[in-house]
Amino acid sequence: MEWYLQVLKNYTGFQGRASKKEYWMFMLYEGVIYLVLSVVEEIVGLSYILSGIYFAATFLPSLAVACRRLHDTGRSGWWNLIFLIPIVGIIIFVVQTCQSSQETDNQYGPRPVM
């Protein structure tokens, strides 16, 4: 839960780098929360109200951590826009975020500790 809260605290931090662990732990917690909200909505009979509010609240932190993750692999944060290309863009984005960090400092800052 520490990784999730750390990303939420740095919700406007588009500068710097995010480790692979930081990014994927945040995505794991976000996915679990979406799953729980979807189940609750289905049981209660709500129509995407809770998950919509949650999406709106976590959109900026998700975008920021993805940008920092791309920085960690040596790419610009603008590569987030590749996600807009159906199917192929999503695959390219996932491959990019799964790649290892650059071993040395890059133009986006020093290598993350973890």
Protein backbone atom coordinates (compact mmCIF):
# COMPACT_ATOMS: atom_id res chain seq x y z
CA MET A 1 0.00 0.00 0.00
CA GLU A 2 3.03 2.24 0.52
CA TRP A 3 3.68 2.42 -3.24
CA TYR A 4 0.08 3.37 -3.95
CA LEU A 5 0.06 6.17 -1.39
CA GLN A 6 3.46 7.42 -2.53
CA VAL A 7 2.14 7.90 -6.08
CA LEU A 8 -1.01 9.63 -4.82
CA LYS A 9 1.09 12.06 -2.74
CA ASN A 10 3.17 12.89 -5.82
CA TYR A 11 0.12 13.28 -8.05
CA THR A 12 1.45 16.26 -10.01
CA GLY A 13 5.04 15.05 -10.23
CA PHE A 14 5.66 14.66 -13.94
CA GLN A 15 9.38 15.30 -13.51
CA GLY A 16 11.87 12.66 -12.50
CA ARG A 17 11.79 8.89 -12.77
CA ALA A 18 9.67 6.08 -11.34
CA SER A 19 10.98 2.56 -10.89
CA LYS A 20 9.32 -0.43 -12.46
CA LYS A 21 8.22 -1.60 -9.02
CA GLU A 22 6.66 1.75 -8.11
CA TYR A 23 4.68 1.86 -11.36
CA TRP A 24 3.45 -1.73 -11.36
CA MET A 25 2.59 -1.80 -7.65
CA PHE A 26 0.46 1.32 -8.17
CA MET A 27 -1.24 -0.32 -11.15
CA LEU A 28 -1.86 -3.50 -9.14
CA TYR A 29 -3.57 -1.61 -6.32
CA GLU A 30 -5.51 0.49 -8.79
CA GLY A 31 -6.74 -2.64 -10.59
CA VAL A 32 -7.83 -4.29 -7.33
CA ILE A 33 -9.68 -1.15 -6.26
CA TYR A 34 -11.46 -0.99 -9.64
CA LEU A 35 -12.43 -4.64 -9.30
CA VAL A 36 -13.86 -4.10 -5.80
CA LEU A 37 -15.74 -0.99 -6.91
CA SER A 38 -17.18 -2.85 -9.90
CA VAL A 39 -18.42 -5.68 -7.68
CA VAL A 40 -19.98 -3.20 -5.23
CA GLU A 41 -21.64 -1.33 -8.11
CA GLU A 42 -23.05 -4.57 -9.47
CA ILE A 43 -24.41 -5.64 -6.08
CA VAL A 44 -25.91 -2.26 -5.23
CA GLY A 45 -27.16 -1.58 -8.75
CA LEU A 46 -25.16 1.57 -9.42
CA SER A 47 -24.16 2.33 -12.97
CA TYR A 48 -20.43 3.09 -12.94
CA ILE A 49 -20.83 5.89 -10.41
CA LEU A 50 -18.19 4.77 -7.90
CA SER A 51 -15.67 3.65 -10.50
CA GLY A 52 -16.22 6.86 -12.46
CA ILE A 53 -15.50 8.99 -9.41
CA TYR A 54 -12.45 6.87 -8.62
CA PHE A 55 -11.21 7.17 -12.21
CA ALA A 56 -11.56 10.96 -12.09
CA ALA A 57 -9.70 11.10 -8.76
CA THR A 58 -6.79 8.91 -9.90
CA PHE A 59 -6.43 9.96 -13.54
CA LEU A 60 -3.76 12.60 -12.90
CA PRO A 61 -1.66 10.43 -10.54
CA SER A 62 -1.84 7.55 -13.05
CA LEU A 63 -0.72 9.81 -15.86
CA ALA A 64 2.10 11.25 -13.76
CA VAL A 65 3.49 7.88 -12.66
CA ALA A 66 3.30 6.58 -16.25
CA CYS A 67 5.20 9.65 -17.42
CA ARG A 68 7.87 9.11 -14.77
CA ARG A 69 8.07 5.41 -15.68
CA LEU A 70 8.68 6.31 -19.32
CA HIS A 71 11.34 8.77 -18.19
CA ASP A 72 13.02 5.92 -16.34
CA THR A 73 13.35 4.01 -19.61
CA GLY A 74 14.74 7.10 -21.38
CA ARG A 75 11.55 8.09 -23.20
CA SER A 76 9.56 11.28 -23.17
CA GLY A 77 6.31 11.38 -21.23
CA TRP A 78 4.55 12.15 -24.50
CA TRP A 79 4.79 8.42 -25.25
CA ASN A 80 1.69 8.14 -23.04
CA LEU A 81 -0.26 9.23 -26.11
CA ILE A 82 0.60 5.96 -27.88
CA PHE A 83 -2.09 4.48 -25.65
CA LEU A 84 -4.67 6.22 -27.86
CA ILE A 85 -3.92 3.89 -30.78
CA PRO A 86 -6.29 0.93 -30.43
CA ILE A 87 -4.71 -2.43 -29.52
CA VAL A 88 -1.23 -1.83 -31.00
CA GLY A 89 -0.68 1.33 -28.93
CA ILE A 90 -1.63 -0.45 -25.72
CA ILE A 91 0.79 -3.30 -26.47
CA ILE A 92 3.63 -0.87 -27.24
CA PHE A 93 2.91 1.08 -24.05
CA VAL A 94 2.95 -2.05 -21.87
CA VAL A 95 6.21 -3.24 -23.45
CA GLN A 96 7.79 0.16 -22.80
CA THR A 97 6.75 0.21 -19.15
CA CYS A 98 8.02 -3.36 -18.65
CA GLN A 99 11.51 -2.54 -19.85
CA SER A 100 14.39 -2.19 -17.42
CA SER A 101 15.49 1.14 -16.07
CA GLN A 102 18.44 2.91 -17.57
CA GLU A 103 21.43 2.03 -15.39
CA THR A 104 22.81 5.55 -15.24
CA ASP A 105 21.38 9.00 -14.73
CA ASN A 106 19.59 10.38 -17.78
CA GLN A 107 18.16 13.74 -18.83
CA TYR A 108 15.14 13.12 -16.56
CA GLY A 109 17.13 12.71 -13.37
CA PRO A 110 18.99 10.17 -11.26
CA ARG A 111 18.06 6.50 -11.22
CA PRO A 112 15.33 5.70 -8.66
CA VAL A 113 16.51 3.99 -5.49
CA MET A 114 13.96 1.17 -5.78
